[in-house]
Protein backbone atom coordinates (compact mmCIF):
# COMPACT_ATOMS: atom_id res chain seq x y z
CA UNK A 1 -16.78 82.36 -85.02
CA UNK A 2 -12.89 82.30 -84.68
CA UNK A 3 -11.47 81.72 -81.14
CA UNK A 4 -8.84 83.22 -80.60
CA UNK A 5 -6.03 83.32 -77.40
CA UNK A 6 -3.89 86.38 -77.96
CA UNK A 7 -0.61 86.63 -75.76
CA UNK A 8 2.97 87.94 -75.67
CA UNK A 9 4.58 91.04 -75.40
CA UNK A 10 3.05 93.96 -77.55
CA UNK A 11 -0.18 92.08 -78.20
CA UNK A 12 -1.87 95.20 -78.42
CA UNK A 13 -0.03 95.97 -81.46
CA UNK A 14 -2.46 94.20 -83.77
CA UNK A 15 -5.54 94.79 -85.77
CA UNK A 16 -7.26 92.68 -83.16
CA UNK A 17 -6.43 94.90 -80.30
CA UNK A 18 -6.31 98.21 -81.22
CA UNK A 19 -9.69 100.42 -80.43
CA UNK A 20 -9.76 101.78 -83.69
CA UNK A 21 -9.90 98.05 -85.49
CA UNK A 22 -11.11 95.66 -83.20
CA UNK A 23 -15.05 96.16 -83.61
CA UNK A 24 -14.31 95.06 -87.24
CA UNK A 25 -13.67 91.71 -86.10
CA UNK A 26 -16.49 91.62 -83.10
CA UNK A 27 -18.73 89.47 -85.09
CA UNK A 28 -15.87 86.94 -86.65
CA UNK A 29 -13.17 86.69 -84.10
CA UNK A 30 -13.79 85.42 -80.19
CA UNK A 31 -11.08 86.41 -77.77
CA UNK A 32 -11.09 83.46 -75.63
CA UNK A 33 -9.34 83.56 -71.93
CA UNK A 34 -7.36 80.19 -72.13
CA UNK A 35 -5.45 78.44 -74.77
CA UNK A 36 -7.67 75.42 -74.15
CA UNK A 37 -10.69 77.26 -75.54
CA UNK A 38 -8.72 78.18 -78.59
CA UNK A 39 -9.53 77.48 -82.23
CA UNK A 40 -5.49 79.55 -82.62
CA UNK A 41 -3.11 80.93 -80.59
CA UNK A 42 -2.28 84.31 -81.58
CA UNK A 43 1.20 86.25 -81.30
CA UNK A 44 2.23 90.32 -82.20
CA UNK A 45 5.62 89.70 -81.81
CA UNK A 46 8.39 86.68 -82.10
CA UNK A 47 9.75 87.42 -78.59
CA UNK A 48 6.57 86.62 -77.16
CA UNK A 49 6.47 83.15 -78.60
CA UNK A 50 9.91 82.69 -76.98
CA UNK A 51 8.37 83.36 -73.90
CA UNK A 52 4.91 81.29 -74.21
CA UNK A 53 3.38 80.31 -71.22
CA UNK A 54 3.70 76.92 -70.39
CA UNK A 55 0.05 75.75 -70.88
CA UNK A 56 -0.17 77.38 -74.15
CA UNK A 57 2.66 74.78 -74.99
CA UNK A 58 1.39 71.99 -73.40
CA UNK A 59 -2.03 72.37 -75.07
CA UNK A 60 -0.37 72.83 -78.32
CA UNK A 61 1.22 69.19 -77.92
CA UNK A 62 -2.09 67.98 -77.05
CA UNK A 63 -4.26 69.75 -79.52
CA UNK A 64 -1.99 70.89 -82.19
CA UNK A 65 -3.57 74.05 -83.02
CA UNK A 66 -2.20 76.63 -85.13
CA UNK A 67 0.32 79.34 -83.64
CA UNK A 68 0.11 82.48 -85.66
CA UNK A 69 2.75 85.04 -85.42
CA UNK A 70 0.63 87.73 -86.70
CA UNK A 71 3.42 91.11 -87.27
CA UNK A 72 2.57 94.11 -88.48
CA UNK A 73 6.28 95.62 -87.93
CA UNK A 74 8.73 94.86 -90.27
CA UNK A 75 11.55 95.84 -87.27
CA UNK A 76 10.24 93.09 -85.14
CA UNK A 77 10.64 90.68 -88.26
CA UNK A 78 14.08 91.43 -88.96
CA UNK A 79 15.76 92.13 -85.53
CA UNK A 80 13.94 89.37 -83.42
CA UNK A 81 13.48 86.26 -85.59
CA UNK A 82 15.19 87.57 -88.73
CA UNK A 83 13.62 85.62 -91.25
CA UNK A 84 11.20 87.90 -92.78
CA UNK A 85 10.57 86.26 -96.07
CA UNK A 86 8.92 82.86 -94.59
CA UNK A 87 5.42 82.06 -93.88
CA UNK A 88 6.53 78.80 -92.21
CA UNK A 89 9.14 79.12 -89.43
CA UNK A 90 9.59 77.12 -85.99
CA UNK A 91 10.35 79.42 -82.54
CA UNK A 92 12.00 77.57 -79.33
CA UNK A 93 10.42 78.21 -75.95
CA UNK A 94 11.16 77.20 -72.75
CA UNK A 95 8.89 74.36 -73.06
CA UNK A 96 9.94 73.02 -76.44
CA UNK A 97 9.67 74.40 -79.92
CA UNK A 98 6.44 75.23 -81.79
CA UNK A 99 5.81 75.57 -85.35
CA UNK A 100 4.69 79.02 -86.31
CA UNK A 101 2.80 80.82 -89.23
CA UNK A 102 4.21 84.21 -89.74
CA UNK A 103 1.92 86.67 -91.08
CA UNK A 104 3.50 89.84 -91.97
CA UNK A 105 4.15 92.40 -94.69
CA UNK A 106 5.87 89.81 -96.65
CA UNK A 107 4.21 86.64 -96.27
CA UNK A 108 0.69 87.70 -96.43
CA UNK A 109 -1.96 90.35 -97.99
CA UNK A 110 -3.05 91.80 -94.51
CA UNK A 111 -1.13 95.12 -94.95
CA UNK A 112 -1.29 95.25 -98.38
CA UNK A 113 -3.14 98.70 -98.19
CA UNK A 114 -5.21 100.17 -101.57
CA UNK A 115 -4.96 103.68 -100.79
CA UNK A 116 -4.46 104.34 -96.95
CA UNK A 117 -1.27 102.37 -95.35
CA UNK A 118 -2.31 100.18 -92.85
CA UNK A 119 -0.57 101.77 -89.83
CA UNK A 120 -3.01 104.96 -90.41
CA UNK A 121 -5.95 103.21 -89.54
CA UNK A 122 -4.34 101.55 -86.18
CA UNK A 123 -5.97 104.91 -84.15
CA UNK A 124 -8.45 107.58 -85.49
CA UNK A 125 -6.20 110.32 -84.33
CA UNK A 126 -3.97 110.12 -87.67
CA UNK A 127 -6.49 110.55 -89.98
CA UNK A 128 -8.36 113.33 -87.73
CA UNK A 129 -5.32 115.32 -87.73
CA UNK A 130 -4.53 114.80 -91.12
CA UNK A 131 -7.72 116.23 -92.24
CA UNK A 132 -7.51 119.18 -90.59
CA UNK A 133 -4.07 119.93 -91.28
CA UNK A 134 -3.97 118.81 -95.10
CA UNK A 135 -7.22 121.04 -95.68
CA UNK A 136 -5.17 124.13 -94.12
CA UNK A 137 -2.09 123.18 -96.26
CA UNK A 138 -4.26 123.06 -99.00
CA UNK A 139 -5.40 126.37 -98.96
CA UNK A 140 -2.23 127.96 -99.07
CA UNK A 141 -0.62 128.64 -102.55
CA UNK A 142 3.07 128.23 -103.84
CA UNK A 143 3.49 131.92 -102.85
CA UNK A 144 2.75 130.81 -99.37
CA UNK A 145 5.04 128.21 -99.10
CA UNK A 146 7.90 130.56 -100.58
CA UNK A 147 7.69 133.13 -97.77
CA UNK A 148 7.26 129.78 -95.20
CA UNK A 149 10.14 128.59 -96.42
CA UNK A 150 12.39 131.62 -96.35
CA UNK A 151 11.19 132.49 -92.66
CA UNK A 152 12.14 129.04 -91.36
CA UNK A 153 14.73 129.03 -88.62
CA UNK A 154 15.51 125.21 -88.71
CA UNK A 155 16.89 123.60 -91.81
CA UNK A 156 16.28 119.73 -91.23
CA UNK A 157 14.99 118.18 -87.94
CA UNK A 158 14.90 114.37 -86.94
CA UNK A 159 12.95 112.72 -84.98
CA UNK A 160 13.39 109.21 -84.09
CA UNK A 161 14.98 106.62 -82.05
CA UNK A 162 19.09 106.69 -82.14
CA UNK A 163 19.72 102.97 -82.87
CA UNK A 164 23.24 101.97 -83.77
CA UNK A 165 25.12 98.75 -84.56
CA UNK A 166 25.32 95.72 -87.49
CA UNK A 167 21.86 94.31 -85.57
CA UNK A 168 20.17 97.36 -87.11
CA UNK A 169 21.86 96.76 -90.87
CA UNK A 170 19.98 93.39 -92.10
CA UNK A 171 18.92 93.16 -95.65
CA UNK A 172 17.02 90.88 -97.65
CA UNK A 173 17.67 91.61 -101.07
CA UNK A 174 14.69 89.26 -102.45
CA UNK A 175 12.14 90.76 -100.32
CA UNK A 176 13.52 94.53 -100.90
CA UNK A 177 14.12 94.62 -97.26
CA UNK A 178 16.86 96.61 -95.73
CA UNK A 179 16.87 97.48 -91.97
CA UNK A 180 17.29 101.19 -92.04
CA UNK A 181 17.72 102.37 -88.19
CA UNK A 182 21.49 102.53 -88.08
CA UNK A 183 21.56 104.31 -91.44
CA UNK A 184 19.34 106.97 -90.54
CA UNK A 185 21.37 107.54 -87.08
CA UNK A 186 24.58 108.03 -89.28
CA UNK A 187 22.94 110.26 -91.45
CA UNK A 188 21.40 112.28 -88.63
CA UNK A 189 24.76 112.35 -87.25
CA UNK A 190 26.30 113.02 -90.35
CA UNK A 191 24.16 116.42 -91.46
CA UNK A 192 25.64 119.22 -90.16
CA UNK A 193 25.23 121.86 -92.53
CA UNK A 194 23.05 124.95 -91.46
CA UNK A 195 20.43 124.49 -88.07
CA UNK A 196 19.75 120.49 -87.81
CA UNK A 197 18.08 119.26 -84.91
CA UNK A 198 17.76 115.84 -83.29
CA UNK A 199 14.94 115.48 -81.03
CA UNK A 200 13.22 112.80 -78.87
CA UNK A 201 14.48 111.00 -75.62
CA UNK A 202 17.44 109.17 -77.40
CA UNK A 203 18.77 112.11 -78.43
CA UNK A 204 17.99 114.71 -75.65
CA UNK A 205 16.80 112.68 -72.67
CA UNK A 206 14.10 113.34 -71.03
CA UNK A 207 10.52 111.21 -70.94
CA UNK A 208 9.77 108.73 -73.84
CA UNK A 209 7.07 109.35 -76.22
CA UNK A 210 5.11 106.79 -74.81
CA UNK A 211 5.08 108.32 -71.65
CA UNK A 212 3.01 111.12 -73.55
CA UNK A 213 -0.55 111.00 -73.39
CA UNK A 214 -1.19 111.48 -77.44
CA UNK A 215 2.74 111.07 -78.91
CA UNK A 216 1.87 111.97 -82.49
CA UNK A 217 -0.19 115.10 -81.56
CA UNK A 218 3.01 115.98 -79.49
CA UNK A 219 4.94 116.00 -82.58
CA UNK A 220 2.87 117.61 -84.75
CA UNK A 221 2.72 120.57 -82.30
CA UNK A 222 6.26 120.58 -81.81
CA UNK A 223 7.33 120.35 -85.73
CA UNK A 224 4.27 122.40 -87.45
CA UNK A 225 5.91 124.99 -89.39
CA UNK A 226 9.08 124.60 -87.85
CA UNK A 227 11.61 123.05 -90.46
CA UNK A 228 12.84 122.99 -94.58
CA UNK A 229 13.06 119.68 -94.26
CA UNK A 230 12.07 116.60 -91.70
CA UNK A 231 13.46 113.16 -91.58
CA UNK A 232 10.88 110.88 -92.58
CA UNK A 233 12.84 107.87 -92.87
CA UNK A 234 11.39 104.43 -91.95
CA UNK A 235 13.03 101.86 -89.51
CA UNK A 236 12.73 99.53 -92.33
CA UNK A 237 12.70 99.59 -95.61
CA UNK A 238 10.10 97.10 -96.99
CA UNK A 239 8.00 97.77 -100.00
CA UNK A 240 4.60 97.63 -98.79
CA UNK A 241 5.42 99.44 -95.18
CA UNK A 242 4.80 103.13 -94.59
CA UNK A 243 3.82 104.50 -91.44
CA UNK A 244 2.64 108.11 -90.28
CA UNK A 245 6.36 109.55 -91.11
CA UNK A 246 6.43 110.90 -94.73
CA UNK A 247 2.75 112.49 -93.92
CA UNK A 248 3.66 113.88 -90.75
CA UNK A 249 6.57 115.84 -92.71
CA UNK A 250 3.82 117.30 -95.37
CA UNK A 251 1.20 118.10 -92.62
CA UNK A 252 3.92 120.07 -90.92
CA UNK A 253 4.68 121.96 -94.07
CA UNK A 254 8.50 120.17 -94.31
CA UNK A 255 10.04 118.53 -97.48
CA UNK A 256 10.31 115.17 -96.21
CA UNK A 257 13.53 112.72 -96.97
CA UNK A 258 12.57 109.44 -97.17
CA UNK A 259 14.20 106.22 -98.35
CA UNK A 260 12.03 104.22 -101.28
CA UNK A 261 13.62 101.68 -104.01
CA UNK A 262 11.65 101.47 -107.63
CA UNK A 263 9.64 98.71 -105.91
CA UNK A 264 8.52 100.33 -102.91
CA UNK A 265 4.83 101.34 -102.94
CA UNK A 266 5.25 104.89 -101.72
CA UNK A 267 5.74 105.32 -105.55
CA UNK A 268 1.98 104.53 -106.37
CA UNK A 269 0.75 107.34 -103.98
CA UNK A 270 1.52 109.63 -106.89
CA UNK A 271 3.43 112.27 -105.06
CA UNK A 272 5.52 114.54 -107.43
CA UNK A 273 9.26 113.93 -107.02
CA UNK A 274 10.33 117.44 -106.38
CA UNK A 275 8.21 117.14 -103.61
CA UNK A 276 10.30 114.90 -101.35
CA UNK A 277 14.18 113.73 -101.44
CA UNK A 278 14.46 110.01 -101.80
CA UNK A 279 17.97 109.13 -100.75
CA UNK A 280 17.67 105.13 -101.73
CA UNK A 281 20.85 104.18 -102.94
CA UNK A 282 23.38 106.45 -100.98
CA UNK A 283 25.39 106.27 -97.92
CA UNK A 284 24.95 108.31 -94.93
CA UNK A 285 27.69 111.06 -96.22
CA UNK A 286 26.42 111.24 -100.00
CA UNK A 287 22.91 111.52 -98.50
CA UNK A 288 23.72 114.28 -96.00
CA UNK A 289 25.13 116.21 -98.83
CA UNK A 290 22.01 115.75 -100.77
CA UNK A 291 19.79 116.71 -97.83
CA UNK A 292 22.30 120.10 -97.59
CA UNK A 293 21.75 121.05 -100.97
CA UNK A 294 19.11 124.01 -101.75
CA UNK A 295 15.95 122.84 -103.15
CA UNK A 296 13.08 125.71 -102.79
CA UNK A 297 12.66 126.77 -105.89
CA UNK A 298 9.41 127.40 -108.47
CA UNK A 299 9.48 123.48 -109.29
CA UNK A 300 9.81 122.39 -106.02
CA UNK A 301 6.97 124.98 -104.20
CA UNK A 302 4.28 123.74 -107.56
CA UNK A 303 4.94 120.11 -106.04
CA UNK A 304 4.83 121.17 -103.06
CA UNK A 305 1.26 122.72 -102.91
CA UNK A 306 0.14 119.43 -105.49
CA UNK A 307 1.13 117.31 -102.39
CA UNK A 308 -0.80 119.30 -100.22
CA UNK A 309 -3.94 119.24 -102.39
CA UNK A 310 -3.53 115.65 -102.93
CA UNK A 311 -3.40 114.76 -99.73
CA UNK A 312 -6.10 117.02 -98.65
CA UNK A 313 -8.50 115.01 -100.78
CA UNK A 314 -7.14 111.40 -99.70
CA UNK A 315 -7.77 111.77 -95.88
CA UNK A 316 -11.56 113.54 -96.56
CA UNK A 317 -12.44 111.06 -98.46
CA UNK A 318 -14.52 108.95 -96.13
CA UNK A 319 -15.32 106.11 -98.58
CA UNK A 320 -11.79 105.60 -99.10
CA UNK A 321 -11.03 104.95 -95.22
CA UNK A 322 -13.76 102.82 -94.63
CA UNK A 323 -13.17 100.72 -98.00
CA UNK A 324 -9.40 100.38 -96.51
CA UNK A 325 -10.93 99.20 -93.10
CA UNK A 326 -13.40 96.49 -95.01
CA UNK A 327 -10.05 95.61 -96.94
CA UNK A 328 -8.02 94.86 -93.96
CA UNK A 329 -11.02 92.96 -92.36
CA UNK A 330 -11.62 90.63 -95.41
CA UNK A 331 -7.94 89.97 -95.78
CA UNK A 332 -6.98 89.08 -92.07
CA UNK A 333 -10.05 86.87 -91.74
CA UNK A 334 -8.88 85.08 -94.90
CA UNK A 335 -5.54 84.52 -93.44
CA UNK A 336 -6.68 83.13 -90.56
CA UNK A 337 -9.20 80.71 -92.26
CA UNK A 338 -6.07 79.56 -94.65
CA UNK A 339 -4.00 78.60 -91.60
CA UNK A 340 -6.84 76.85 -89.98
CA UNK A 341 -7.92 74.80 -93.40
CA UNK A 342 -4.31 74.19 -93.42
CA UNK A 343 -3.75 73.28 -89.57
CA UNK A 344 -4.27 69.50 -89.73
CA UNK A 345 -0.89 69.24 -91.47
CA UNK A 346 1.31 71.54 -89.66
CA UNK A 347 4.90 72.64 -91.27
CA UNK A 348 7.74 70.84 -90.05
CA UNK A 349 10.71 71.81 -88.36
CA UNK A 350 12.87 74.39 -90.49
CA UNK A 351 16.42 75.59 -90.06
CA UNK A 352 16.61 77.92 -86.89
């Protein structure tokens, strides 16, 4: 049993915290109440380590237990610590510096999914919603989709946080990591051909999605059968990072706009290229022109139908879901065990 003290902002965004995933670890990981009881200290975000409590830092000085940053979110890795490629980093706190083992999409195997991306495992609502919608969509033929796209009153929908500035434009070429928040915001502002929607609090005002009881259900209900195309661009281009965005577009019956370089794992899903628009390598003006070009032809309709059938099969495969959960469990426990086994020689201070 690995005893873990969990602390810091967004600690609920951890495989060990999610209600859908925590039971996977109940026989192997024990969450303890104080740093002094822990085999290791675990955080979900670098900002949480910067604000680490004094008693944790003092306990680390006394016992030198490992400090682990288990980050599921490349956006945090690139905008907070800005060292997403390094496994061993040092983070300053009010009480002194702490050596940190960073386990993220690049530095560990934890998030390297086999068939179903990690984020879709964090809440059962994702798979449950997709099972019904893709089963429905797969029953429609190309003829249905031809009529549906012809009747849509919206050409393009965007629903994501409006973020601008160089802080969101970081690039780490050796890891294939690119900050996309500013780029996709400029794209949404540049797309003006036809009827274009820009939805969400940061565009329209109102309440945050996090104030909703089920923001994902709200999104699917609002966008279902609504737009010809939907912005599905991640906040960060990281080769192994896929969230709900691409799947949401297909579930709502829209062509996804995505950004994926040649090494991105979205290509391993085997989705026909004609069924989605890849804007990788384009500036916002070029991407806007590509997004506005007519695309509904027989090739697209056949490919779009094929994707719906493929995703319906994936999300009704309970065996694939269970195997993905087992893979996640084994990978996370292996990484924590390795951290513990190497903790006798903590990493030295690296350049900040």
